Amino acid sequence: MLKYLRDPANVITTGGILFSSVSLFFAVSGRLELAVATALWAVLSDHLDGIVAARTKNRDPNIAKMGKSLDGFGDIIYGAVLPAVILFQVSHASLIGLATGSALLAAGAIRLSYFANFGKSCDGRFVGLPLSYDVPLLALAFVARPLVADDLFTTFALGIFLALAVLHVVPIRVSSLNTAAYVAISIFVVIASTTLALRSLH
């Protein structure tokens, strides 16, 4: 099965999963800013693997099938599992944190299962908000964290992700990202991850 990882897009996807693993390590260690900073690179990997896959000529159908499945596992880790763990930490393992994290995990699994079976809508848009929005919004919240009190930040973070859990499964239509959006996300990842990583050192 490892032969399928020789594909460039699948290598990038696997790299994103490894970034998620490192991010989870930081999260359970209580180093949340580093966790979010690293998770941003998992998001970037998720965007890049699709671009590389689309530009790979004569890509073997079996490799593509493997890549699609691998990508789905990567999505659930960085898009739902990781934010849920960070929410558990931010809320100090409170019941509301558990409820919000559980809702996010369930919504993420439902959305990805729907996408794996039915794909995009007939107009080429996603049904439900993709999980790739979760970590960038979490990063924005953490960048702004010094500006608000801890209790307010916890309430704010839980509220955002409870809303995201709902948006993942409601039948809204979300357009795919264009080239300009990919460039903007790449710049954001570099700036936000650097900001959070440097802050964690102080």
C-alpha atoms as a PDB file:
ATOM      1  CA  MET A   1       0.000   0.000   0.000  1.00  0.00           C
ATOM      2  CA  LEU A   2       2.956   2.329   0.519  1.00  0.00           C
ATOM      3  CA  LYS A   3       3.494   2.444  -3.244  1.00  0.00           C
ATOM      4  CA  TYR A   4       0.529   4.825  -3.474  1.00  0.00           C
ATOM      5  CA  LEU A   5       2.520   7.374  -1.494  1.00  0.00           C
ATOM      6  CA  ARG A   6       4.955   7.852  -4.360  1.00  0.00           C
ATOM      7  CA  ASP A   7       2.347  10.111  -5.905  1.00  0.00           C
ATOM      8  CA  PRO A   8       3.263  13.792  -5.244  1.00  0.00           C
ATOM      9  CA  ALA A   9      -0.248  14.780  -4.147  1.00  0.00           C
ATOM     10  CA  ASN A  10      -0.486  11.852  -1.752  1.00  0.00           C
ATOM     11  CA  VAL A  11       2.918  12.759  -0.308  1.00  0.00           C
ATOM     12  CA  ILE A  12       1.613  16.257   0.425  1.00  0.00           C
ATOM     13  CA  THR A  13      -1.556  14.835   1.986  1.00  0.00           C
ATOM     14  CA  THR A  14       0.529  12.570   4.218  1.00  0.00           C
ATOM     15  CA  GLY A  15       2.682  15.543   5.172  1.00  0.00           C
ATOM     16  CA  GLY A  16      -0.455  17.380   6.239  1.00  0.00           C
ATOM     17  CA  ILE A  17      -1.430  14.452   8.457  1.00  0.00           C
ATOM     18  CA  LEU A  18       2.017  14.570  10.063  1.00  0.00           C
ATOM     19  CA  PHE A  19       1.572  18.301  10.701  1.00  0.00           C
ATOM     20  CA  SER A  20      -1.741  17.437  12.375  1.00  0.00           C
ATOM     21  CA  SER A  21       0.017  14.870  14.561  1.00  0.00           C
ATOM     22  CA  VAL A  22       2.569  17.430  15.723  1.00  0.00           C
ATOM     23  CA  SER A  23      -0.242  19.906  16.317  1.00  0.00           C
ATOM     24  CA  LEU A  24      -2.122  17.373  18.448  1.00  0.00           C
ATOM     25  CA  PHE A  25       1.046  16.806  20.472  1.00  0.00           C
ATOM     26  CA  PHE A  26       1.304  20.528  21.195  1.00  0.00           C
ATOM     27  CA  ALA A  27      -2.420  20.690  22.002  1.00  0.00           C
ATOM     28  CA  VAL A  28      -2.394  17.911  24.597  1.00  0.00           C
ATOM     29  CA  SER A  29       0.804  19.444  26.016  1.00  0.00           C
ATOM     30  CA  GLY A  30      -1.070  22.694  26.606  1.00  0.00           C
ATOM     31  CA  ARG A  31       0.968  24.682  24.068  1.00  0.00           C
ATOM     32  CA  LEU A  32      -2.105  25.843  22.200  1.00  0.00           C
ATOM     33  CA  GLU A  33      -0.588  28.658  20.163  1.00  0.00           C
ATOM     34  CA  LEU A  34       2.020  26.275  18.743  1.00  0.00           C
ATOM     35  CA  ALA A  35      -0.737  23.742  18.111  1.00  0.00           C
ATOM     36  CA  VAL A  36      -2.728  26.237  16.034  1.00  0.00           C
ATOM     37  CA  ALA A  37       0.409  27.483  14.250  1.00  0.00           C
ATOM     38  CA  THR A  38       1.284  23.941  13.173  1.00  0.00           C
ATOM     39  CA  ALA A  39      -2.305  23.110  12.233  1.00  0.00           C
ATOM     40  CA  LEU A  40      -2.260  25.945   9.709  1.00  0.00           C
ATOM     41  CA  TRP A  41       0.361  24.027   7.733  1.00  0.00           C
ATOM     42  CA  ALA A  42      -1.939  21.010   7.670  1.00  0.00           C
ATOM     43  CA  VAL A  43      -4.575  23.280   6.120  1.00  0.00           C
ATOM     44  CA  LEU A  44      -2.114  24.544   3.534  1.00  0.00           C
ATOM     45  CA  SER A  45      -1.120  20.956   2.702  1.00  0.00           C
ATOM     46  CA  ASP A  46      -4.781  20.116   2.183  1.00  0.00           C
ATOM     47  CA  HIS A  47      -5.151  22.911  -0.347  1.00  0.00           C
ATOM     48  CA  LEU A  48      -1.892  22.119  -2.130  1.00  0.00           C
ATOM     49  CA  ASP A  49      -2.570  18.396  -2.579  1.00  0.00           C
ATOM     50  CA  GLY A  50      -5.673  19.117  -4.645  1.00  0.00           C
ATOM     51  CA  ILE A  51      -3.783  21.555  -6.867  1.00  0.00           C
ATOM     52  CA  VAL A  52      -0.946  19.082  -7.421  1.00  0.00           C
ATOM     53  CA  ALA A  53      -3.373  16.218  -8.069  1.00  0.00           C
ATOM     54  CA  ALA A  54      -5.232  18.236 -10.684  1.00  0.00           C
ATOM     55  CA  ARG A  55      -1.981  19.069 -12.481  1.00  0.00           C
ATOM     56  CA  THR A  56      -0.515  15.566 -12.382  1.00  0.00           C
ATOM     57  CA  LYS A  57      -0.778  14.158 -15.898  1.00  0.00           C
ATOM     58  CA  ASN A  58      -1.937  10.587 -16.503  1.00  0.00           C
ATOM     59  CA  ARG A  59      -2.570  10.011 -12.810  1.00  0.00           C
ATOM     60  CA  ASP A  60      -3.428   6.380 -12.121  1.00  0.00           C
ATOM     61  CA  PRO A  61      -7.131   6.014 -11.107  1.00  0.00           C
ATOM     62  CA  ASN A  62      -6.189   3.754  -8.197  1.00  0.00           C
ATOM     63  CA  ILE A  63      -3.718   6.324  -6.918  1.00  0.00           C
ATOM     64  CA  ALA A  64      -6.408   8.997  -7.208  1.00  0.00           C
ATOM     65  CA  LYS A  65      -8.865   6.783  -5.317  1.00  0.00           C
ATOM     66  CA  MET A  66      -6.312   6.213  -2.559  1.00  0.00           C
ATOM     67  CA  GLY A  67      -5.587   9.943  -2.448  1.00  0.00           C
ATOM     68  CA  LYS A  68      -9.261  10.829  -2.091  1.00  0.00           C
ATOM     69  CA  SER A  69      -9.649   8.485   0.875  1.00  0.00           C
ATOM     70  CA  LEU A  70      -6.399   9.658   2.476  1.00  0.00           C
ATOM     71  CA  ASP A  71      -7.480  13.259   2.048  1.00  0.00           C
ATOM     72  CA  GLY A  72     -10.748  12.546   3.847  1.00  0.00           C
ATOM     73  CA  PHE A  73      -8.912  11.127   6.855  1.00  0.00           C
ATOM     74  CA  GLY A  74      -6.615  14.153   6.887  1.00  0.00           C
ATOM     75  CA  ASP A  75      -9.632  16.466   6.787  1.00  0.00           C
ATOM     76  CA  ILE A  76     -11.331  14.904   9.809  1.00  0.00           C
ATOM     77  CA  ILE A  77      -8.115  15.078  11.840  1.00  0.00           C
ATOM     78  CA  TYR A  78      -7.187  18.718  11.240  1.00  0.00           C
ATOM     79  CA  GLY A  79     -10.705  19.997  10.610  1.00  0.00           C
ATOM     80  CA  ALA A  80     -12.552  18.410  13.534  1.00  0.00           C
ATOM     81  CA  VAL A  81     -10.426  16.289  15.900  1.00  0.00           C
ATOM     82  CA  LEU A  82      -7.744  18.921  16.401  1.00  0.00           C
ATOM     83  CA  PRO A  83     -10.100  21.897  16.977  1.00  0.00           C
ATOM     84  CA  ALA A  84     -12.137  19.725  19.371  1.00  0.00           C
ATOM     85  CA  VAL A  85      -9.034  18.905  21.441  1.00  0.00           C
ATOM     86  CA  ILE A  86      -8.075  22.587  21.536  1.00  0.00           C
ATOM     87  CA  LEU A  87     -11.611  23.497  22.628  1.00  0.00           C
ATOM     88  CA  PHE A  88     -11.397  20.919  25.418  1.00  0.00           C
ATOM     89  CA  GLN A  89      -8.185  22.591  26.574  1.00  0.00           C
ATOM     90  CA  VAL A  90      -9.474  26.154  26.249  1.00  0.00           C
ATOM     91  CA  SER A  91     -12.633  25.320  28.215  1.00  0.00           C
ATOM     92  CA  HIS A  92     -10.623  23.432  30.874  1.00  0.00           C
ATOM     93  CA  ALA A  93     -12.488  20.213  30.061  1.00  0.00           C
ATOM     94  CA  SER A  94     -15.869  21.732  30.880  1.00  0.00           C
ATOM     95  CA  LEU A  95     -19.159  20.108  29.902  1.00  0.00           C
ATOM     96  CA  ILE A  96     -19.910  22.905  27.418  1.00  0.00           C
ATOM     97  CA  GLY A  97     -16.482  22.323  25.888  1.00  0.00           C
ATOM     98  CA  LEU A  98     -17.248  18.626  25.623  1.00  0.00           C
ATOM     99  CA  ALA A  99     -20.624  19.340  24.024  1.00  0.00           C
ATOM    100  CA  THR A 100     -19.140  21.786  21.502  1.00  0.00           C
ATOM    101  CA  GLY A 101     -16.211  19.545  20.605  1.00  0.00           C
ATOM    102  CA  SER A 102     -18.516  16.532  20.241  1.00  0.00           C
ATOM    103  CA  ALA A 103     -20.887  18.493  18.016  1.00  0.00           C
ATOM    104  CA  LEU A 104     -17.956  19.549  15.836  1.00  0.00           C
ATOM    105  CA  LEU A 105     -16.669  15.972  15.529  1.00  0.00           C
ATOM    106  CA  ALA A 106     -20.103  14.611  14.648  1.00  0.00           C
ATOM    107  CA  ALA A 107     -20.763  17.388  12.128  1.00  0.00           C
ATOM    108  CA  GLY A 108     -17.350  16.892  10.540  1.00  0.00           C
ATOM    109  CA  ALA A 109     -17.875  13.161  10.147  1.00  0.00           C
ATOM    110  CA  ILE A 110     -21.363  13.658   8.689  1.00  0.00           C
ATOM    111  CA  ARG A 111     -20.196  16.295   6.226  1.00  0.00           C
ATOM    112  CA  LEU A 112     -17.211  14.298   5.020  1.00  0.00           C
ATOM    113  CA  SER A 113     -19.328  11.153   4.666  1.00  0.00           C
ATOM    114  CA  TYR A 114     -21.851  13.093   2.588  1.00  0.00           C
ATOM    115  CA  PHE A 115     -19.112  14.535   0.390  1.00  0.00           C
ATOM    116  CA  ALA A 116     -17.447  11.138  -0.088  1.00  0.00           C
ATOM    117  CA  ASN A 117     -20.718   9.644  -1.314  1.00  0.00           C
ATOM    118  CA  PHE A 118     -22.373  12.507  -3.189  1.00  0.00           C
ATOM    119  CA  GLY A 119     -19.612  15.022  -3.957  1.00  0.00           C
ATOM    120  CA  LYS A 120     -20.380  18.606  -4.849  1.00  0.00           C
ATOM    121  CA  SER A 121     -23.801  19.938  -5.831  1.00  0.00           C
ATOM    122  CA  CYS A 122     -24.911  19.992  -9.473  1.00  0.00           C
ATOM    123  CA  ASP A 123     -23.631  23.572  -9.812  1.00  0.00           C
ATOM    124  CA  GLY A 124     -20.123  22.549  -8.718  1.00  0.00           C
ATOM    125  CA  ARG A 125     -20.299  24.035  -5.233  1.00  0.00           C
ATOM    126  CA  PHE A 126     -19.781  22.353  -1.865  1.00  0.00           C
ATOM    127  CA  VAL A 127     -22.817  21.420   0.192  1.00  0.00           C
ATOM    128  CA  GLY A 128     -22.169  22.604   3.735  1.00  0.00           C
ATOM    129  CA  LEU A 129     -19.172  24.617   4.876  1.00  0.00           C
ATOM    130  CA  PRO A 130     -15.914  22.695   4.255  1.00  0.00           C
ATOM    131  CA  LEU A 131     -13.877  21.765   7.326  1.00  0.00           C
ATOM    132  CA  SER A 132     -10.910  23.667   5.905  1.00  0.00           C
ATOM    133  CA  TYR A 133     -12.438  26.881   7.311  1.00  0.00           C
ATOM    134  CA  ASP A 134     -12.136  25.733  10.939  1.00  0.00           C
ATOM    135  CA  VAL A 135      -8.420  26.092  11.657  1.00  0.00           C
ATOM    136  CA  PRO A 136      -7.995  29.495   9.936  1.00  0.00           C
ATOM    137  CA  LEU A 137     -10.884  30.853  12.034  1.00  0.00           C
ATOM    138  CA  LEU A 138      -9.324  29.290  15.122  1.00  0.00           C
ATOM    139  CA  ALA A 139      -6.027  30.964  14.194  1.00  0.00           C
ATOM    140  CA  LEU A 140      -7.740  34.351  13.883  1.00  0.00           C
ATOM    141  CA  ALA A 141      -9.268  33.865  17.310  1.00  0.00           C
ATOM    142  CA  PHE A 142      -5.886  32.999  18.834  1.00  0.00           C
ATOM    143  CA  VAL A 143      -4.159  35.931  17.142  1.00  0.00           C
ATOM    144  CA  ALA A 144      -6.770  38.206  18.750  1.00  0.00           C
ATOM    145  CA  ARG A 145      -6.684  36.378  22.101  1.00  0.00           C
ATOM    146  CA  PRO A 146      -4.474  38.917  23.952  1.00  0.00           C
ATOM    147  CA  LEU A 147      -7.110  41.578  23.298  1.00  0.00           C
ATOM    148  CA  VAL A 148      -9.861  39.867  25.318  1.00  0.00           C
ATOM    149  CA  ALA A 149     -10.256  38.375  28.783  1.00  0.00           C
ATOM    150  CA  ASP A 150      -9.781  34.631  29.142  1.00  0.00           C
ATOM    151  CA  ASP A 151     -13.424  33.951  30.050  1.00  0.00           C
ATOM    152  CA  LEU A 152     -14.643  35.986  27.102  1.00  0.00           C
ATOM    153  CA  PHE A 153     -12.217  34.227  24.767  1.00  0.00           C
ATOM    154  CA  THR A 154     -13.464  30.807  25.893  1.00  0.00           C
ATOM    155  CA  THR A 155     -17.087  31.809  25.333  1.00  0.00           C
ATOM    156  CA  PHE A 156     -16.196  33.346  21.983  1.00  0.00           C
ATOM    157  CA  ALA A 157     -14.273  30.267  20.799  1.00  0.00           C
ATOM    158  CA  LEU A 158     -16.997  27.837  21.854  1.00  0.00           C
ATOM    159  CA  GLY A 159     -19.653  29.981  20.199  1.00  0.00           C
ATOM    160  CA  ILE A 160     -17.727  30.138  16.920  1.00  0.00           C
ATOM    161  CA  PHE A 161     -17.263  26.395  16.735  1.00  0.00           C
ATOM    162  CA  LEU A 162     -20.804  25.573  17.721  1.00  0.00           C
ATOM    163  CA  ALA A 163     -21.890  27.771  14.817  1.00  0.00           C
ATOM    164  CA  LEU A 164     -19.347  26.086  12.521  1.00  0.00           C
ATOM    165  CA  ALA A 165     -20.678  22.648  13.492  1.00  0.00           C
ATOM    166  CA  VAL A 166     -24.110  23.756  12.303  1.00  0.00           C
ATOM    167  CA  LEU A 167     -22.762  25.326   9.100  1.00  0.00           C
ATOM    168  CA  HIS A 168     -20.929  22.095   8.215  1.00  0.00           C
ATOM    169  CA  VAL A 169     -24.175  20.156   7.904  1.00  0.00           C
ATOM    170  CA  VAL A 170     -26.818  22.653   6.745  1.00  0.00           C
ATOM    171  CA  PRO A 171     -27.552  22.689   2.985  1.00  0.00           C
ATOM    172  CA  ILE A 172     -25.763  25.934   2.158  1.00  0.00           C
ATOM    173  CA  ARG A 173     -23.734  26.150  -1.065  1.00  0.00           C
ATOM    174  CA  VAL A 174     -20.084  27.200  -0.834  1.00  0.00           C
ATOM    175  CA  SER A 175     -18.006  27.915  -3.921  1.00  0.00           C
ATOM    176  CA  SER A 176     -14.585  26.356  -4.424  1.00  0.00           C
ATOM    177  CA  LEU A 177     -11.586  28.593  -3.845  1.00  0.00           C
ATOM    178  CA  ASN A 178      -9.970  30.328  -6.807  1.00  0.00           C
ATOM    179  CA  THR A 179      -6.291  31.049  -7.393  1.00  0.00           C
ATOM    180  CA  ALA A 180      -6.392  34.408  -5.613  1.00  0.00           C
ATOM    181  CA  ALA A 181      -7.951  32.764  -2.550  1.00  0.00           C
ATOM    182  CA  TYR A 182      -5.232  30.099  -2.471  1.00  0.00           C
ATOM    183  CA  VAL A 183      -2.549  32.795  -2.594  1.00  0.00           C
ATOM    184  CA  ALA A 184      -4.278  34.726   0.204  1.00  0.00           C
ATOM    185  CA  ILE A 185      -4.534  31.585   2.356  1.00  0.00           C
ATOM    186  CA  SER A 186      -0.852  30.814   1.812  1.00  0.00           C
ATOM    187  CA  ILE A 187       0.140  34.315   2.917  1.00  0.00           C
ATOM    188  CA  PHE A 188      -2.192  34.092   5.899  1.00  0.00           C
ATOM    189  CA  VAL A 189      -0.718  30.742   6.970  1.00  0.00           C
ATOM    190  CA  VAL A 190       2.816  32.138   6.928  1.00  0.00           C
ATOM    191  CA  ILE A 191       1.921  35.334   8.815  1.00  0.00           C
ATOM    192  CA  ALA A 192      -0.445  33.795  11.380  1.00  0.00           C
ATOM    193  CA  SER A 193       1.701  30.742  12.119  1.00  0.00           C
ATOM    194  CA  THR A 194       4.800  32.912  12.550  1.00  0.00           C
ATOM    195  CA  THR A 195       2.925  35.313  14.840  1.00  0.00           C
ATOM    196  CA  LEU A 196       1.597  32.519  17.038  1.00  0.00           C
ATOM    197  CA  ALA A 197       4.905  30.624  17.121  1.00  0.00           C
ATOM    198  CA  LEU A 198       6.873  33.726  18.133  1.00  0.00           C
ATOM    199  CA  ARG A 199       4.297  34.619  20.767  1.00  0.00           C
ATOM    200  CA  SER A 200       4.554  31.144  22.278  1.00  0.00           C
ATOM    201  CA  LEU A 201       8.271  31.688  22.865  1.00  0.00           C
ATOM    202  CA  HIS A 202       7.675  34.608  25.224  1.00  0.00           C
END
